[in-house]
Structure formats: structure tokens, C-alpha cells
Amino acid sequence: MTLYHLHKRKRLSGKAYFSFPAPSWALRLLDNIILGVGVVAPAMMIPQIYLIYSTHNATGLSPISWLAFTAFDIPWIIYGLAHKEKPIVTAYTLWFFSNGAVFIGALLY
């Protein structure tokens, strides 16, 4: 669905996509907000990671689920790189490491 939307937008506008950073101040602000969310949201996993490794207890965590979360970040990173979308690359790279840390903790403990 996303690729269809991008293709349709390109066809209708007849122009190239907005560059990053965007040309208008409102879109630049939105880009910065999304980039901030992309950094802060994965950082919210730090307390969970700290708890797992400090108590050596991962009771209730499914390693299979956390492996899937980690693996599903890879296509998003590739997509972001292919489309040169800095917010997507940043967010999903951070999610990859956060989810990977929880996965390893779930395996170890």
C-alpha cells in the first residue's frame, strides 16, 4: 500500500519527492519531530533492558517474539536506506539494537 501511495503521489505531482530536509519550515519541523520520536521511542526500552541485565531475570519474555521484532526491523532499515529516509533508518536501527538486547537477555536469563 505504501509503495502504491508513493507511486501515485509521484504521478500526480509530476515532480520529484521533497528533499530532506524539506523545503518548507512546517515540513522541516515535522521531519525534526519524527526524527526525535525515532530516537526517544527506542530509548524507552532502556529501563526494560536495564531490568533484564541487572536482575538476570527475563521471566515472561518470549525469545521468539523478541527475535521476530528484531528481524522485522531489518526490512525497515533497508527500505529507509533505499529511499534515503533518515528518520526511518535512525528509528529502526535503534529499534534493532533495543529489540536485539532484549532478545539476547531473554535467551540468557
PDB file of N, CA and C in Angstrom:
ATOM      1  N   MET A   1       0.816  -1.183   0.000  1.00  0.00           N
ATOM      2  CA  MET A   1       0.000   0.000   0.000  1.00  0.00           C
ATOM      3  C   MET A   1       0.869   1.260   0.000  1.00  0.00           C
ATOM      4  N   THR A   2       1.930   1.238   0.769  1.00  0.00           N
ATOM      5  CA  THR A   2       2.795   2.406   0.848  1.00  0.00           C
ATOM      6  C   THR A   2       3.423   2.716  -0.499  1.00  0.00           C
ATOM      7  N   LEU A   3       3.921   1.688  -1.186  1.00  0.00           N
ATOM      8  CA  LEU A   3       4.561   1.923  -2.472  1.00  0.00           C
ATOM      9  C   LEU A   3       3.555   2.457  -3.489  1.00  0.00           C
ATOM     10  N   TYR A   4       2.321   1.976  -3.417  1.00  0.00           N
ATOM     11  CA  TYR A   4       1.290   2.486  -4.315  1.00  0.00           C
ATOM     12  C   TYR A   4       1.073   3.968  -4.065  1.00  0.00           C
ATOM     13  N   HIS A   5       1.008   4.350  -2.785  1.00  0.00           N
ATOM     14  CA  HIS A   5       0.807   5.747  -2.426  1.00  0.00           C
ATOM     15  C   HIS A   5       1.947   6.609  -2.973  1.00  0.00           C
ATOM     16  N   LEU A   6       3.172   6.172  -2.804  1.00  0.00           N
ATOM     17  CA  LEU A   6       4.313   6.944  -3.301  1.00  0.00           C
ATOM     18  C   LEU A   6       4.269   7.057  -4.822  1.00  0.00           C
ATOM     19  N   HIS A   7       3.939   5.964  -5.485  1.00  0.00           N
ATOM     20  CA  HIS A   7       3.873   5.976  -6.945  1.00  0.00           C
ATOM     21  C   HIS A   7       2.770   6.925  -7.413  1.00  0.00           C
ATOM     22  N   LYS A   8       1.621   6.869  -6.759  1.00  0.00           N
ATOM     23  CA  LYS A   8       0.502   7.725  -7.134  1.00  0.00           C
ATOM     24  C   LYS A   8       0.849   9.195  -6.890  1.00  0.00           C
ATOM     25  N   ARG A   9       1.505   9.489  -5.767  1.00  0.00           N
ATOM     26  CA  ARG A   9       1.881  10.871  -5.470  1.00  0.00           C
ATOM     27  C   ARG A   9       2.862  11.398  -6.515  1.00  0.00           C
ATOM     28  N   LYS A  10       3.793  10.573  -6.921  1.00  0.00           N
ATOM     29  CA  LYS A  10       4.771  10.989  -7.919  1.00  0.00           C
ATOM     30  C   LYS A  10       4.091  11.243  -9.259  1.00  0.00           C
ATOM     31  N   ARG A  11       3.155  10.366  -9.620  1.00  0.00           N
ATOM     32  CA  ARG A  11       2.442  10.514 -10.886  1.00  0.00           C
ATOM     33  C   ARG A  11       1.593  11.772 -10.904  1.00  0.00           C
ATOM     34  N   LEU A  12       0.895  12.036  -9.801  1.00  0.00           N
ATOM     35  CA  LEU A  12       0.015  13.193  -9.745  1.00  0.00           C
ATOM     36  C   LEU A  12       0.778  14.508  -9.727  1.00  0.00           C
ATOM     37  N   SER A  13       1.879  14.525  -9.006  1.00  0.00           N
ATOM     38  CA  SER A  13       2.610  15.790  -8.888  1.00  0.00           C
ATOM     39  C   SER A  13       3.504  16.032 -10.096  1.00  0.00           C
ATOM     40  N   GLY A  14       3.976  14.953 -10.705  1.00  0.00           N
ATOM     41  CA  GLY A  14       4.877  15.100 -11.842  1.00  0.00           C
ATOM     42  C   GLY A  14       6.239  15.644 -11.452  1.00  0.00           C
ATOM     43  N   LYS A  15       6.485  15.737 -10.166  1.00  0.00           N
ATOM     44  CA  LYS A  15       7.748  16.275  -9.667  1.00  0.00           C
ATOM     45  C   LYS A  15       8.432  15.244  -8.797  1.00  0.00           C
ATOM     46  N   ALA A  16       9.677  15.510  -8.481  1.00  0.00           N
ATOM     47  CA  ALA A  16      10.414  14.630  -7.582  1.00  0.00           C
ATOM     48  C   ALA A  16       9.886  14.805  -6.155  1.00  0.00           C
ATOM     49  N   TYR A  17      10.204  13.864  -5.294  1.00  0.00           N
ATOM     50  CA  TYR A  17       9.811  13.944  -3.894  1.00  0.00           C
ATOM     51  C   TYR A  17      10.510  15.113  -3.226  1.00  0.00           C
ATOM     52  N   PHE A  18       9.969  15.509  -2.075  1.00  0.00           N
ATOM     53  CA  PHE A  18      10.635  16.538  -1.297  1.00  0.00           C
ATOM     54  C   PHE A  18      12.011  16.037  -0.877  1.00  0.00           C
ATOM     55  N   SER A  19      12.951  16.925  -0.849  1.00  0.00           N
ATOM     56  CA  SER A  19      14.279  16.556  -0.380  1.00  0.00           C
ATOM     57  C   SER A  19      14.264  16.529   1.147  1.00  0.00           C
ATOM     58  N   PHE A  20      15.302  15.982   1.721  1.00  0.00           N
ATOM     59  CA  PHE A  20      15.458  16.010   3.174  1.00  0.00           C
ATOM     60  C   PHE A  20      16.662  16.852   3.482  1.00  0.00           C
ATOM     61  N   PRO A  21      16.581  17.902   4.198  1.00  0.00           N
ATOM     62  CA  PRO A  21      15.389  18.421   4.854  1.00  0.00           C
ATOM     63  C   PRO A  21      14.416  19.039   3.864  1.00  0.00           C
ATOM     64  N   ALA A  22      13.163  19.079   4.264  1.00  0.00           N
ATOM     65  CA  ALA A  22      12.083  19.563   3.407  1.00  0.00           C
ATOM     66  C   ALA A  22      12.245  21.059   3.121  1.00  0.00           C
ATOM     67  N   PRO A  23      11.670  21.527   2.017  1.00  0.00           N
ATOM     68  CA  PRO A  23      11.816  22.930   1.641  1.00  0.00           C
ATOM     69  C   PRO A  23      11.043  23.913   2.531  1.00  0.00           C
ATOM     70  N   SER A  24       9.927  23.511   3.120  1.00  0.00           N
ATOM     71  CA  SER A  24       9.145  24.449   3.946  1.00  0.00           C
ATOM     72  C   SER A  24       9.460  24.254   5.421  1.00  0.00           C
ATOM     73  N   TRP A  25       9.276  25.302   6.202  1.00  0.00           N
ATOM     74  CA  TRP A  25       9.593  25.232   7.636  1.00  0.00           C
ATOM     75  C   TRP A  25       8.672  24.258   8.358  1.00  0.00           C
ATOM     76  N   ALA A  26       7.419  24.144   7.935  1.00  0.00           N
ATOM     77  CA  ALA A  26       6.473  23.241   8.601  1.00  0.00           C
ATOM     78  C   ALA A  26       6.874  21.779   8.390  1.00  0.00           C
ATOM     79  N   LEU A  27       7.273  21.454   7.179  1.00  0.00           N
ATOM     80  CA  LEU A  27       7.710  20.079   6.915  1.00  0.00           C
ATOM     81  C   LEU A  27       9.044  19.783   7.591  1.00  0.00           C
ATOM     82  N   ARG A  28       9.932  20.796   7.666  1.00  0.00           N
ATOM     83  CA  ARG A  28      11.198  20.599   8.390  1.00  0.00           C
ATOM     84  C   ARG A  28      10.930  20.351   9.870  1.00  0.00           C
ATOM     85  N   LEU A  29       9.970  21.094  10.437  1.00  0.00           N
ATOM     86  CA  LEU A  29       9.601  20.881  11.835  1.00  0.00           C
ATOM     87  C   LEU A  29       9.063  19.474  12.029  1.00  0.00           C
ATOM     88  N   LEU A  30       8.189  19.033  11.136  1.00  0.00           N
ATOM     89  CA  LEU A  30       7.651  17.682  11.217  1.00  0.00           C
ATOM     90  C   LEU A  30       8.766  16.642  11.077  1.00  0.00           C
ATOM     91  N   ASP A  31       9.698  16.863  10.148  1.00  0.00           N
ATOM     92  CA  ASP A  31      10.842  15.961   9.995  1.00  0.00           C
ATOM     93  C   ASP A  31      11.637  15.868  11.293  1.00  0.00           C
ATOM     94  N   ASN A  32      11.866  17.014  11.940  1.00  0.00           N
ATOM     95  CA  ASN A  32      12.625  17.012  13.188  1.00  0.00           C
ATOM     96  C   ASN A  32      11.864  16.333  14.322  1.00  0.00           C
ATOM     97  N   ILE A  33      10.558  16.529  14.360  1.00  0.00           N
ATOM     98  CA  ILE A  33       9.748  15.867  15.387  1.00  0.00           C
ATOM     99  C   ILE A  33       9.801  14.351  15.198  1.00  0.00           C
ATOM    100  N   ILE A  34       9.629  13.907  13.963  1.00  0.00           N
ATOM    101  CA  ILE A  34       9.656  12.469  13.677  1.00  0.00           C
ATOM    102  C   ILE A  34      11.034  11.888  13.981  1.00  0.00           C
ATOM    103  N   LEU A  35      12.080  12.609  13.651  1.00  0.00           N
ATOM    104  CA  LEU A  35      13.431  12.143  13.966  1.00  0.00           C
ATOM    105  C   LEU A  35      13.599  12.037  15.482  1.00  0.00           C
ATOM    106  N   GLY A  36      13.074  13.020  16.221  1.00  0.00           N
ATOM    107  CA  GLY A  36      13.135  12.966  17.684  1.00  0.00           C
ATOM    108  C   GLY A  36      12.377  11.783  18.247  1.00  0.00           C
ATOM    109  N   VAL A  37      11.180  11.538  17.720  1.00  0.00           N
ATOM    110  CA  VAL A  37      10.392  10.386  18.153  1.00  0.00           C
ATOM    111  C   VAL A  37      11.132   9.090  17.822  1.00  0.00           C
ATOM    112  N   GLY A  38      11.783   9.071  16.673  1.00  0.00           N
ATOM    113  CA  GLY A  38      12.535   7.890  16.266  1.00  0.00           C
ATOM    114  C   GLY A  38      13.705   7.582  17.180  1.00  0.00           C
ATOM    115  N   VAL A  39      14.202   8.589  17.894  1.00  0.00           N
ATOM    116  CA  VAL A  39      15.294   8.381  18.845  1.00  0.00           C
ATOM    117  C   VAL A  39      14.738   8.102  20.247  1.00  0.00           C
ATOM    118  N   VAL A  40      13.719   8.845  20.647  1.00  0.00           N
ATOM    119  CA  VAL A  40      13.185   8.729  22.005  1.00  0.00           C
ATOM    120  C   VAL A  40      12.428   7.410  22.202  1.00  0.00           C
ATOM    121  N   ALA A  41      11.636   6.994  21.233  1.00  0.00           N
ATOM    122  CA  ALA A  41      10.826   5.781  21.393  1.00  0.00           C
ATOM    123  C   ALA A  41      11.687   4.541  21.676  1.00  0.00           C
ATOM    124  N   PRO A  42      12.732   4.262  20.894  1.00  0.00           N
ATOM    125  CA  PRO A  42      13.570   3.114  21.243  1.00  0.00           C
ATOM    126  C   PRO A  42      14.305   3.300  22.576  1.00  0.00           C
ATOM    127  N   ALA A  43      14.613   4.547  22.935  1.00  0.00           N
ATOM    128  CA  ALA A  43      15.287   4.799  24.215  1.00  0.00           C
ATOM    129  C   ALA A  43      14.390   4.420  25.388  1.00  0.00           C
ATOM    130  N   MET A  44      13.088   4.380  25.160  1.00  0.00           N
ATOM    131  CA  MET A  44      12.172   3.975  26.223  1.00  0.00           C
ATOM    132  C   MET A  44      12.338   2.502  26.591  1.00  0.00           C
ATOM    133  N   MET A  45      13.091   1.761  25.811  1.00  0.00           N
ATOM    134  CA  MET A  45      13.386   0.358  26.117  1.00  0.00           C
ATOM    135  C   MET A  45      14.533   0.228  27.116  1.00  0.00           C
ATOM    136  N   ILE A  46      15.270   1.284  27.353  1.00  0.00           N
ATOM    137  CA  ILE A  46      16.438   1.211  28.235  1.00  0.00           C
ATOM    138  C   ILE A  46      16.071   0.702  29.630  1.00  0.00           C
ATOM    139  N   PRO A  47      14.983   1.166  30.265  1.00  0.00           N
ATOM    140  CA  PRO A  47      14.643   0.600  31.582  1.00  0.00           C
ATOM    141  C   PRO A  47      14.388  -0.908  31.538  1.00  0.00           C
ATOM    142  N   GLN A  48      13.733  -1.390  30.474  1.00  0.00           N
ATOM    143  CA  GLN A  48      13.482  -2.826  30.339  1.00  0.00           C
ATOM    144  C   GLN A  48      14.798  -3.592  30.184  1.00  0.00           C
ATOM    145  N   ILE A  49      15.673  -3.067  29.351  1.00  0.00           N
ATOM    146  CA  ILE A  49      16.975  -3.714  29.141  1.00  0.00           C
ATOM    147  C   ILE A  49      17.777  -3.713  30.443  1.00  0.00           C
ATOM    148  N   TYR A  50      17.776  -2.581  31.137  1.00  0.00           N
ATOM    149  CA  TYR A  50      18.489  -2.492  32.412  1.00  0.00           C
ATOM    150  C   TYR A  50      17.941  -3.502  33.415  1.00  0.00           C
ATOM    151  N   LEU A  51      16.618  -3.612  33.501  1.00  0.00           N
ATOM    152  CA  LEU A  51      15.991  -4.543  34.439  1.00  0.00           C
ATOM    153  C   LEU A  51      16.384  -5.987  34.132  1.00  0.00           C
ATOM    154  N   ILE A  52      16.371  -6.354  32.874  1.00  0.00           N
ATOM    155  CA  ILE A  52      16.728  -7.729  32.493  1.00  0.00           C
ATOM    156  C   ILE A  52      18.161  -8.044  32.900  1.00  0.00           C
ATOM    157  N   TYR A  53      19.094  -7.156  32.560  1.00  0.00           N
ATOM    158  CA  TYR A  53      20.506  -7.441  32.791  1.00  0.00           C
ATOM    159  C   TYR A  53      20.927  -7.209  34.236  1.00  0.00           C
ATOM    160  N   SER A  54      20.253  -6.328  34.968  1.00  0.00           N
ATOM    161  CA  SER A  54      20.644  -6.094  36.361  1.00  0.00           C
ATOM    162  C   SER A  54      20.090  -7.163  37.295  1.00  0.00           C
ATOM    163  N   THR A  55      18.896  -7.679  37.001  1.00  0.00           N
ATOM    164  CA  THR A  55      18.304  -8.712  37.864  1.00  0.00           C
ATOM    165  C   THR A  55      18.560 -10.118  37.343  1.00  0.00           C
ATOM    166  N   HIS A  56      19.088 -10.232  36.140  1.00  0.00           N
ATOM    167  CA  HIS A  56      19.302 -11.537  35.492  1.00  0.00           C
ATOM    168  C   HIS A  56      18.001 -12.334  35.461  1.00  0.00           C
ATOM    169  N   ASN A  57      16.923 -11.646  35.136  1.00  0.00           N
ATOM    170  CA  ASN A  57      15.611 -12.266  35.122  1.00  0.00           C
ATOM    171  C   ASN A  57      14.831 -11.761  33.911  1.00  0.00           C
ATOM    172  N   ALA A  58      14.452 -12.685  33.048  1.00  0.00           N
ATOM    173  CA  ALA A  58      13.643 -12.336  31.876  1.00  0.00           C
ATOM    174  C   ALA A  58      12.363 -13.159  31.866  1.00  0.00           C
ATOM    175  N   THR A  59      11.869 -13.454  33.052  1.00  0.00           N
ATOM    176  CA  THR A  59      10.648 -14.234  33.176  1.00  0.00           C
ATOM    177  C   THR A  59       9.501 -13.534  32.453  1.00  0.00           C
ATOM    178  N   GLY A  60       8.791 -14.292  31.662  1.00  0.00           N
ATOM    179  CA  GLY A  60       7.639 -13.755  30.952  1.00  0.00           C
ATOM    180  C   GLY A  60       7.957 -13.201  29.573  1.00  0.00           C
ATOM    181  N   LEU A  61       9.227 -13.144  29.208  1.00  0.00           N
ATOM    182  CA  LEU A  61       9.590 -12.654  27.877  1.00  0.00           C
ATOM    183  C   LEU A  61       9.798 -13.836  26.939  1.00  0.00           C
ATOM    184  N   SER A  62       9.240 -13.740  25.768  1.00  0.00           N
ATOM    185  CA  SER A  62       9.383 -14.799  24.769  1.00  0.00           C
ATOM    186  C   SER A  62      10.541 -14.468  23.832  1.00  0.00           C
ATOM    187  N   PRO A  63      11.598 -15.290  23.857  1.00  0.00           N
ATOM    188  CA  PRO A  63      12.712 -15.029  22.936  1.00  0.00           C
ATOM    189  C   PRO A  63      12.285 -15.051  21.472  1.00  0.00           C
ATOM    190  N   ILE A  64      11.320 -15.885  21.130  1.00  0.00           N
ATOM    191  CA  ILE A  64      10.861 -15.971  19.744  1.00  0.00           C
ATOM    192  C   ILE A  64      10.217 -14.649  19.312  1.00  0.00           C
ATOM    193  N   SER A  65       9.409 -14.071  20.180  1.00  0.00           N
ATOM    194  CA  SER A  65       8.778 -12.790  19.851  1.00  0.00           C
ATOM    195  C   SER A  65       9.823 -11.699  19.673  1.00  0.00           C
ATOM    196  N   TRP A  66      10.783 -11.637  20.583  1.00  0.00           N
ATOM    197  CA  TRP A  66      11.801 -10.580  20.503  1.00  0.00           C
ATOM    198  C   TRP A  66      12.735 -10.803  19.332  1.00  0.00           C
ATOM    199  N   LEU A  67      12.970 -12.068  18.950  1.00  0.00           N
ATOM    200  CA  LEU A  67      13.746 -12.339  17.733  1.00  0.00           C
ATOM    201  C   LEU A  67      12.971 -11.830  16.519  1.00  0.00           C
ATOM    202  N   ALA A  68      11.661 -12.059  16.494  1.00  0.00           N
ATOM    203  CA  ALA A  68      10.835 -11.585  15.377  1.00  0.00           C
ATOM    204  C   ALA A  68      10.838 -10.064  15.319  1.00  0.00           C
ATOM    205  N   PHE A  69      10.688  -9.387  16.477  1.00  0.00           N
ATOM    206  CA  PHE A  69      10.727  -7.922  16.486  1.00  0.00           C
ATOM    207  C   PHE A  69      12.051  -7.420  15.927  1.00  0.00           C
ATOM    208  N   THR A  70      13.132  -8.082  16.327  1.00  0.00           N
ATOM    209  CA  THR A  70      14.469  -7.688  15.850  1.00  0.00           C
ATOM    210  C   THR A  70      14.602  -7.927  14.349  1.00  0.00           C
ATOM    211  N   ALA A  71      14.163  -9.087  13.894  1.00  0.00           N
ATOM    212  CA  ALA A  71      14.277  -9.424  12.470  1.00  0.00           C
ATOM    213  C   ALA A  71      13.420  -8.510  11.600  1.00  0.00           C
ATOM    214  N   PHE A  72      12.245  -8.120  12.096  1.00  0.00           N
ATOM    215  CA  PHE A  72      11.355  -7.267  11.307  1.00  0.00           C
ATOM    216  C   PHE A  72      11.861  -5.839  11.187  1.00  0.00           C
ATOM    217  N   ASP A  73      12.844  -5.476  11.975  1.00  0.00           N
ATOM    218  CA  ASP A  73      13.451  -4.144  11.838  1.00  0.00           C
ATOM    219  C   ASP A  73      14.360  -4.073  10.612  1.00  0.00           C
ATOM    220  N   ILE A  74      14.915  -5.191  10.202  1.00  0.00           N
ATOM    221  CA  ILE A  74      15.878  -5.212   9.094  1.00  0.00           C
ATOM    222  C   ILE A  74      15.254  -4.727   7.780  1.00  0.00           C
ATOM    223  N   PRO A  75      14.074  -5.222   7.385  1.00  0.00           N
ATOM    224  CA  PRO A  75      13.485  -4.690   6.137  1.00  0.00           C
ATOM    225  C   PRO A  75      13.213  -3.192   6.195  1.00  0.00           C
ATOM    226  N   TRP A  76      12.839  -2.690   7.373  1.00  0.00           N
ATOM    227  CA  TRP A  76      12.601  -1.252   7.504  1.00  0.00           C
ATOM    228  C   TRP A  76      13.891  -0.463   7.325  1.00  0.00           C
ATOM    229  N   ILE A  77      14.986  -0.971   7.863  1.00  0.00           N
ATOM    230  CA  ILE A  77      16.277  -0.295   7.698  1.00  0.00           C
ATOM    231  C   ILE A  77      16.658  -0.271   6.222  1.00  0.00           C
ATOM    232  N   ILE A  78      16.501  -1.398   5.552  1.00  0.00           N
ATOM    233  CA  ILE A  78      16.814  -1.479   4.125  1.00  0.00           C
ATOM    234  C   ILE A  78      15.916  -0.537   3.326  1.00  0.00           C
ATOM    235  N   TYR A  79      14.628  -0.510   3.665  1.00  0.00           N
ATOM    236  CA  TYR A  79      13.682   0.390   2.996  1.00  0.00           C
ATOM    237  C   TYR A  79      14.107   1.845   3.190  1.00  0.00           C
ATOM    238  N   GLY A  80      14.448   2.203   4.401  1.00  0.00           N
ATOM    239  CA  GLY A  80      14.881   3.568   4.687  1.00  0.00           C
ATOM    240  C   GLY A  80      16.142   3.948   3.939  1.00  0.00           C
ATOM    241  N   LEU A  81      17.083   3.016   3.847  1.00  0.00           N
ATOM    242  CA  LEU A  81      18.313   3.273   3.090  1.00  0.00           C
ATOM    243  C   LEU A  81      18.011   3.421   1.602  1.00  0.00           C
ATOM    244  N   ALA A  82      17.155   2.544   1.086  1.00  0.00           N
ATOM    245  CA  ALA A  82      16.825   2.593  -0.339  1.00  0.00           C
ATOM    246  C   ALA A  82      16.131   3.894  -0.724  1.00  0.00           C
ATOM    247  N   HIS A  83      15.310   4.414   0.188  1.00  0.00           N
ATOM    248  CA  HIS A  83      14.558   5.636  -0.100  1.00  0.00           C
ATOM    249  C   HIS A  83      15.196   6.884   0.513  1.00  0.00           C
ATOM    250  N   LYS A  84      16.378   6.685   1.101  1.00  0.00           N
ATOM    251  CA  LYS A  84      17.128   7.787   1.715  1.00  0.00           C
ATOM    252  C   LYS A  84      16.266   8.544   2.726  1.00  0.00           C
ATOM    253  N   GLU A  85      15.602   7.802   3.594  1.00  0.00           N
ATOM    254  CA  GLU A  85      14.737   8.367   4.635  1.00  0.00           C
ATOM    255  C   GLU A  85      15.459   8.271   5.974  1.00  0.00           C
ATOM    256  N   LYS A  86      16.119   9.359   6.356  1.00  0.00           N
ATOM    257  CA  LYS A  86      16.909   9.388   7.582  1.00  0.00           C
ATOM    258  C   LYS A  86      16.090   9.026   8.824  1.00  0.00           C
ATOM    259  N   PRO A  87      14.862   9.540   9.000  1.00  0.00           N
ATOM    260  CA  PRO A  87      14.103   9.165  10.196  1.00  0.00           C
ATOM    261  C   PRO A  87      13.823   7.664  10.295  1.00  0.00           C
ATOM    262  N   ILE A  88      13.524   7.036   9.170  1.00  0.00           N
ATOM    263  CA  ILE A  88      13.246   5.599   9.179  1.00  0.00           C
ATOM    264  C   ILE A  88      14.511   4.821   9.515  1.00  0.00           C
ATOM    265  N   VAL A  89      15.616   5.184   8.901  1.00  0.00           N
ATOM    266  CA  VAL A  89      16.879   4.482   9.161  1.00  0.00           C
ATOM    267  C   VAL A  89      17.279   4.643  10.622  1.00  0.00           C
ATOM    268  N   THR A  90      17.197   5.856  11.129  1.00  0.00           N
ATOM    269  CA  THR A  90      17.586   6.112  12.518  1.00  0.00           C
ATOM    270  C   THR A  90      16.701   5.340  13.489  1.00  0.00           C
ATOM    271  N   ALA A  91      15.401   5.473  13.330  1.00  0.00           N
ATOM    272  CA  ALA A  91      14.471   4.833  14.260  1.00  0.00           C
ATOM    273  C   ALA A  91      14.615   3.312  14.251  1.00  0.00           C
ATOM    274  N   TYR A  92      14.622   2.722  13.087  1.00  0.00           N
ATOM    275  CA  TYR A  92      14.642   1.263  13.043  1.00  0.00           C
ATOM    276  C   TYR A  92      16.005   0.674  13.348  1.00  0.00           C
ATOM    277  N   THR A  93      17.069   1.422  13.160  1.00  0.00           N
ATOM    278  CA  THR A  93      18.379   0.952  13.613  1.00  0.00           C
ATOM    279  C   THR A  93      18.409   0.921  15.146  1.00  0.00           C
ATOM    280  N   LEU A  94      17.890   1.972  15.760  1.00  0.00           N
ATOM    281  CA  LEU A  94      17.821   1.987  17.220  1.00  0.00           C
ATOM    282  C   LEU A  94      16.883   0.901  17.750  1.00  0.00           C
ATOM    283  N   TRP A  95      15.744   0.710  17.083  1.00  0.00           N
ATOM    284  CA  TRP A  95      14.844  -0.372  17.482  1.00  0.00           C
ATOM    285  C   TRP A  95      15.521  -1.731  17.335  1.00  0.00           C
ATOM    286  N   PHE A  96      16.315  -1.896  16.265  1.00  0.00           N
ATOM    287  CA  PHE A  96      17.021  -3.160  16.053  1.00  0.00           C
ATOM    288  C   PHE A  96      17.924  -3.483  17.246  1.00  0.00           C
ATOM    289  N   PHE A  97      18.697  -2.502  17.690  1.00  0.00           N
ATOM    290  CA  PHE A  97      19.596  -2.739  18.807  1.00  0.00           C
ATOM    291  C   PHE A  97      18.845  -2.919  20.124  1.00  0.00           C
ATOM    292  N   SER A  98      17.779  -2.152  20.323  1.00  0.00           N
ATOM    293  CA  SER A  98      16.983  -2.296  21.552  1.00  0.00           C
ATOM    294  C   SER A  98      16.301  -3.663  21.608  1.00  0.00           C
ATOM    295  N   ASN A  99      15.635  -4.027  20.529  1.00  0.00           N
ATOM    296  CA  ASN A  99      14.971  -5.324  20.490  1.00  0.00           C
ATOM    297  C   ASN A  99      15.974  -6.464  20.570  1.00  0.00           C
ATOM    298  N   GLY A 100      17.121  -6.292  19.927  1.00  0.00           N
ATOM    299  CA  GLY A 100      18.170  -7.313  19.987  1.00  0.00           C
ATOM    300  C   GLY A 100      18.702  -7.505  21.399  1.00  0.00           C
ATOM    301  N   ALA A 101      18.851  -6.416  22.152  1.00  0.00           N
ATOM    302  CA  ALA A 101      19.323  -6.516  23.526  1.00  0.00           C
ATOM    303  C   ALA A 101      18.310  -7.264  24.398  1.00  0.00           C
ATOM    304  N   VAL A 102      17.029  -7.001  24.191  1.00  0.00           N
ATOM    305  CA  VAL A 102      16.001  -7.731  24.945  1.00  0.00           C
ATOM    306  C   VAL A 102      15.998  -9.193  24.524  1.00  0.00           C
ATOM    307  N   PHE A 103      16.125  -9.469  23.241  1.00  0.00           N
ATOM    308  CA  PHE A 103      16.169 -10.859  22.753  1.00  0.00           C
ATOM    309  C   PHE A 103      17.328 -11.620  23.388  1.00  0.00           C
ATOM    310  N   ILE A 104      18.510 -11.020  23.389  1.00  0.00           N
ATOM    311  CA  ILE A 104      19.682 -11.701  23.984  1.00  0.00           C
ATOM    312  C   ILE A 104      19.470 -11.914  25.481  1.00  0.00           C
ATOM    313  N   GLY A 105      18.923 -10.897  26.151  1.00  0.00           N
ATOM    314  CA  GLY A 105      18.620 -11.074  27.575  1.00  0.00           C
ATOM    315  C   GLY A 105      17.611 -12.161  27.835  1.00  0.00           C
ATOM    316  N   ALA A 106      16.596 -12.268  26.978  1.00  0.00           N
ATOM    317  CA  ALA A 106      15.586 -13.326  27.128  1.00  0.00           C
ATOM    318  C   ALA A 106      16.202 -14.709  26.918  1.00  0.00           C
ATOM    319  N   LEU A 107      17.181 -14.778  26.020  1.00  0.00           N
ATOM    320  CA  LEU A 107      17.874 -16.061  25.817  1.00  0.00           C
ATOM    321  C   LEU A 107      18.761 -16.419  27.009  1.00  0.00           C
ATOM    322  N   LEU A 108      19.487 -15.434  27.505  1.00  0.00           N
ATOM    323  CA  LEU A 108      20.445 -15.687  28.579  1.00  0.00           C
ATOM    324  C   LEU A 108      19.768 -15.985  29.912  1.00  0.00           C
ATOM    325  N   TYR A 109      18.673 -15.279  30.207  1.00  0.00           N
ATOM    326  CA  TYR A 109      18.075 -15.384  31.534  1.00  0.00           C
ATOM    327  C   TYR A 109      16.678 -15.934  31.454  1.00  0.00           C
TER     328      TYR A 109
END
